[in-house]
Amino acid sequence: MSIELNWEKGLPSFVGMYFVAVKLGPAAGVYDFAQWNGSAWELQIEGDIIAYVDIQEFKNSLDIKWPEDVVIERELQQLSEDDSELWSES
């Protein structure tokens, strides 16, 4: 499965968490999460961030199954056949 992201180049306009492409050298690179503090990237590894995407954009690009089975039980209410109970005019 391949996911295409709308990569941004340069520096972000807003402080926050981003998914980044980090170039480690001429033939190596990794993806990571990094915090942009408004003036610099806070990154655990050494390398150059060549592109980024907002963490919300990243999350919205994935179709992730929730880790628990969710069962929603709904009790259907029987409506009265008498329409006069639905509303009244003043």
N, C-alpha and C. Protein backbone atom coordinates (compact mmCIF):
# COMPACT_ATOMS: atom_id res chain seq x y z
N MET A 1 0.84 -1.16 0.00
CA MET A 1 0.00 0.00 0.00
C MET A 1 0.90 1.24 0.00
N SER A 2 0.59 2.16 -0.86
CA SER A 2 1.34 3.40 -0.95
C SER A 2 0.40 4.57 -0.72
N ILE A 3 0.80 5.49 0.12
CA ILE A 3 -0.02 6.66 0.43
C ILE A 3 0.70 7.90 -0.08
N GLU A 4 -0.01 8.69 -0.86
CA GLU A 4 0.57 9.92 -1.37
C GLU A 4 0.17 11.07 -0.45
N LEU A 5 1.16 11.79 0.06
CA LEU A 5 0.91 12.92 0.94
C LEU A 5 1.15 14.23 0.19
N ASN A 6 0.50 15.28 0.65
CA ASN A 6 0.71 16.61 0.09
C ASN A 6 1.86 17.28 0.83
N TRP A 7 3.08 16.88 0.48
CA TRP A 7 4.28 17.37 1.16
C TRP A 7 4.44 18.88 0.99
N GLU A 8 4.86 19.53 2.05
CA GLU A 8 5.19 20.95 2.04
C GLU A 8 6.71 21.07 2.14
N LYS A 9 7.24 22.11 1.53
CA LYS A 9 8.69 22.38 1.61
C LYS A 9 8.88 23.69 2.36
N GLY A 10 10.08 23.94 2.84
CA GLY A 10 10.34 25.17 3.59
C GLY A 10 10.07 24.96 5.07
N LEU A 11 9.53 25.99 5.72
CA LEU A 11 9.26 25.92 7.15
C LEU A 11 7.77 26.13 7.42
N PRO A 12 7.24 25.44 8.43
CA PRO A 12 5.82 25.58 8.75
C PRO A 12 5.49 26.98 9.28
N SER A 13 4.24 27.36 9.14
CA SER A 13 3.76 28.65 9.65
C SER A 13 3.30 28.55 11.10
N PHE A 14 3.00 27.32 11.55
CA PHE A 14 2.42 27.15 12.88
C PHE A 14 3.24 26.16 13.72
N VAL A 15 3.32 26.45 15.00
CA VAL A 15 3.95 25.55 15.97
C VAL A 15 3.13 24.27 16.02
N GLY A 16 3.80 23.12 16.13
CA GLY A 16 3.06 21.87 16.25
C GLY A 16 3.86 20.66 15.83
N MET A 17 3.17 19.52 15.82
CA MET A 17 3.76 18.25 15.46
C MET A 17 3.55 17.99 13.97
N TYR A 18 4.59 17.46 13.31
CA TYR A 18 4.55 17.20 11.88
C TYR A 18 5.16 15.83 11.59
N PHE A 19 4.73 15.25 10.48
CA PHE A 19 5.34 14.05 9.93
C PHE A 19 6.34 14.55 8.90
N VAL A 20 7.59 14.14 9.02
CA VAL A 20 8.65 14.73 8.21
C VAL A 20 9.45 13.68 7.44
N ALA A 21 10.03 14.12 6.32
CA ALA A 21 10.99 13.31 5.56
C ALA A 21 12.36 13.88 5.87
N VAL A 22 13.22 13.04 6.43
CA VAL A 22 14.54 13.49 6.87
C VAL A 22 15.60 12.86 5.98
N LYS A 23 16.40 13.70 5.34
CA LYS A 23 17.50 13.21 4.51
C LYS A 23 18.73 13.07 5.39
N LEU A 24 19.28 11.86 5.41
CA LEU A 24 20.43 11.55 6.26
C LEU A 24 21.75 11.64 5.52
N GLY A 25 21.70 11.66 4.22
CA GLY A 25 22.90 11.70 3.39
C GLY A 25 22.48 11.63 1.94
N PRO A 26 23.44 11.47 1.03
CA PRO A 26 23.10 11.47 -0.38
C PRO A 26 22.18 10.33 -0.82
N ALA A 27 22.20 9.20 -0.10
CA ALA A 27 21.40 8.05 -0.54
C ALA A 27 20.56 7.45 0.58
N ALA A 28 20.34 8.20 1.66
CA ALA A 28 19.59 7.64 2.78
C ALA A 28 18.64 8.67 3.35
N GLY A 29 17.52 8.18 3.85
CA GLY A 29 16.54 9.05 4.47
C GLY A 29 15.53 8.24 5.25
N VAL A 30 14.84 8.90 6.14
CA VAL A 30 13.84 8.24 6.97
C VAL A 30 12.64 9.17 7.14
N TYR A 31 11.53 8.57 7.56
CA TYR A 31 10.37 9.34 7.97
C TYR A 31 10.36 9.38 9.48
N ASP A 32 9.87 10.48 10.05
CA ASP A 32 9.84 10.62 11.50
C ASP A 32 8.77 11.64 11.87
N PHE A 33 8.52 11.76 13.15
CA PHE A 33 7.66 12.82 13.67
C PHE A 33 8.57 13.84 14.33
N ALA A 34 8.28 15.12 14.10
CA ALA A 34 9.11 16.17 14.68
C ALA A 34 8.24 17.34 15.11
N GLN A 35 8.66 17.99 16.16
CA GLN A 35 7.98 19.17 16.67
C GLN A 35 8.62 20.42 16.07
N TRP A 36 7.78 21.33 15.54
CA TRP A 36 8.26 22.63 15.07
C TRP A 36 7.92 23.62 16.18
N ASN A 37 8.93 24.28 16.76
CA ASN A 37 8.69 25.17 17.90
C ASN A 37 8.49 26.63 17.50
N GLY A 38 8.43 26.90 16.22
CA GLY A 38 8.25 28.26 15.73
C GLY A 38 9.51 28.85 15.14
N SER A 39 10.66 28.26 15.50
CA SER A 39 11.92 28.77 14.95
C SER A 39 12.89 27.65 14.56
N ALA A 40 12.64 26.44 15.07
CA ALA A 40 13.54 25.32 14.74
C ALA A 40 12.80 24.00 14.93
N TRP A 41 13.29 22.98 14.20
CA TRP A 41 12.76 21.62 14.36
C TRP A 41 13.36 20.99 15.60
N GLU A 42 12.57 20.28 16.38
CA GLU A 42 13.05 19.48 17.50
C GLU A 42 13.02 18.04 17.04
N LEU A 43 14.19 17.54 16.67
CA LEU A 43 14.32 16.22 16.05
C LEU A 43 15.33 15.39 16.82
N GLN A 44 15.04 14.10 17.01
CA GLN A 44 15.92 13.21 17.78
C GLN A 44 17.11 12.70 16.98
N ILE A 45 17.03 12.78 15.66
CA ILE A 45 18.13 12.29 14.82
C ILE A 45 18.75 13.45 14.07
N GLU A 46 19.97 13.27 13.60
CA GLU A 46 20.63 14.31 12.81
C GLU A 46 20.33 14.10 11.35
N GLY A 47 19.92 15.15 10.71
CA GLY A 47 19.61 15.09 9.29
C GLY A 47 18.88 16.36 8.88
N ASP A 48 18.60 16.48 7.60
CA ASP A 48 17.91 17.66 7.07
C ASP A 48 16.47 17.30 6.74
N ILE A 49 15.54 18.05 7.30
CA ILE A 49 14.14 17.85 6.97
C ILE A 49 13.91 18.49 5.61
N ILE A 50 13.55 17.64 4.63
CA ILE A 50 13.38 18.14 3.26
C ILE A 50 11.91 18.38 2.91
N ALA A 51 10.99 17.83 3.71
CA ALA A 51 9.56 18.04 3.47
C ALA A 51 8.82 17.64 4.74
N TYR A 52 7.61 18.19 4.88
CA TYR A 52 6.80 17.90 6.06
C TYR A 52 5.32 17.93 5.67
N VAL A 53 4.52 17.34 6.53
CA VAL A 53 3.07 17.40 6.39
C VAL A 53 2.49 17.53 7.80
N ASP A 54 1.47 18.34 7.92
CA ASP A 54 0.78 18.55 9.19
C ASP A 54 0.30 17.19 9.72
N ILE A 55 0.38 16.99 11.01
CA ILE A 55 0.03 15.70 11.60
C ILE A 55 -1.44 15.35 11.34
N GLN A 56 -2.32 16.35 11.29
CA GLN A 56 -3.73 16.09 11.00
C GLN A 56 -3.90 15.61 9.56
N GLU A 57 -3.18 16.22 8.64
CA GLU A 57 -3.20 15.79 7.23
C GLU A 57 -2.70 14.35 7.12
N PHE A 58 -1.65 14.03 7.87
CA PHE A 58 -1.10 12.68 7.88
C PHE A 58 -2.15 11.69 8.38
N LYS A 59 -2.77 12.02 9.51
CA LYS A 59 -3.78 11.12 10.10
C LYS A 59 -4.96 10.92 9.15
N ASN A 60 -5.39 11.99 8.51
CA ASN A 60 -6.53 11.90 7.60
C ASN A 60 -6.22 11.09 6.35
N SER A 61 -4.94 10.90 6.04
CA SER A 61 -4.54 10.13 4.86
C SER A 61 -4.57 8.62 5.11
N LEU A 62 -4.72 8.24 6.36
CA LEU A 62 -4.73 6.82 6.74
C LEU A 62 -6.13 6.35 7.06
N ASP A 63 -6.37 5.10 6.82
CA ASP A 63 -7.63 4.47 7.22
C ASP A 63 -7.26 3.44 8.28
N ILE A 64 -7.24 3.89 9.52
CA ILE A 64 -6.73 3.06 10.61
C ILE A 64 -7.90 2.41 11.36
N LYS A 65 -7.81 1.08 11.54
CA LYS A 65 -8.83 0.37 12.30
C LYS A 65 -8.59 0.63 13.79
N TRP A 66 -9.65 0.97 14.50
CA TRP A 66 -9.57 1.20 15.94
C TRP A 66 -9.14 -0.10 16.63
N PRO A 67 -8.28 -0.03 17.67
CA PRO A 67 -7.71 -1.25 18.27
C PRO A 67 -8.68 -2.07 19.11
N GLU A 68 -9.90 -1.61 19.29
CA GLU A 68 -10.88 -2.38 20.04
C GLU A 68 -12.06 -2.68 19.12
N ASP A 69 -12.74 -3.78 19.41
CA ASP A 69 -13.99 -4.04 18.71
C ASP A 69 -15.05 -3.16 19.34
N VAL A 70 -15.73 -2.40 18.54
CA VAL A 70 -16.75 -1.50 19.04
C VAL A 70 -18.12 -2.00 18.59
N VAL A 71 -18.97 -2.22 19.56
CA VAL A 71 -20.33 -2.66 19.28
C VAL A 71 -21.26 -1.58 19.83
N ILE A 72 -22.05 -1.02 18.96
CA ILE A 72 -22.99 0.00 19.37
C ILE A 72 -24.38 -0.62 19.38
N GLU A 73 -24.98 -0.62 20.55
CA GLU A 73 -26.33 -1.17 20.68
C GLU A 73 -27.30 -0.01 20.81
N ARG A 74 -28.28 -0.02 19.96
CA ARG A 74 -29.28 1.03 19.99
C ARG A 74 -30.65 0.40 20.19
N GLU A 75 -31.39 1.03 21.06
CA GLU A 75 -32.75 0.56 21.30
C GLU A 75 -33.69 1.42 20.46
N LEU A 76 -34.39 0.78 19.57
CA LEU A 76 -35.33 1.50 18.72
C LEU A 76 -36.61 1.77 19.50
N GLN A 77 -37.09 3.00 19.39
CA GLN A 77 -38.33 3.36 20.05
C GLN A 77 -39.47 3.26 19.05
N GLN A 78 -40.52 2.66 19.49
CA GLN A 78 -41.70 2.55 18.65
C GLN A 78 -42.43 3.88 18.67
N LEU A 79 -42.64 4.47 17.49
CA LEU A 79 -43.36 5.73 17.40
C LEU A 79 -44.86 5.48 17.37
N SER A 80 -45.56 6.41 17.94
CA SER A 80 -47.01 6.32 17.95
C SER A 80 -47.53 6.54 16.53
N GLU A 81 -48.61 5.88 16.22
CA GLU A 81 -49.22 6.06 14.90
C GLU A 81 -50.00 7.37 14.84
N ASP A 82 -50.24 7.97 15.99
CA ASP A 82 -51.00 9.22 16.07
C ASP A 82 -50.06 10.39 15.80
N ASP A 83 -50.22 11.07 14.66
CA ASP A 83 -49.35 12.19 14.28
C ASP A 83 -49.53 13.41 15.17
N SER A 84 -50.59 13.48 15.92
CA SER A 84 -50.84 14.66 16.75
C SER A 84 -49.79 14.80 17.86
N GLU A 85 -49.11 13.73 18.20
CA GLU A 85 -48.07 13.79 19.24
C GLU A 85 -46.76 14.36 18.72
N LEU A 86 -46.59 14.47 17.41
CA LEU A 86 -45.33 14.93 16.85
C LEU A 86 -45.09 16.40 17.07
N TRP A 87 -46.14 17.25 16.95
CA TRP A 87 -46.00 18.68 17.17
C TRP A 87 -47.37 19.28 17.41
N SER A 88 -47.34 20.49 17.91
CA SER A 88 -48.59 21.22 18.06
C SER A 88 -48.34 22.66 17.61
N GLU A 89 -49.37 23.25 17.05
CA GLU A 89 -49.26 24.63 16.60
C GLU A 89 -49.81 25.54 17.69
N SER A 90 -49.14 26.66 17.88
CA SER A 90 -49.59 27.62 18.90
C SER A 90 -50.52 28.65 18.32
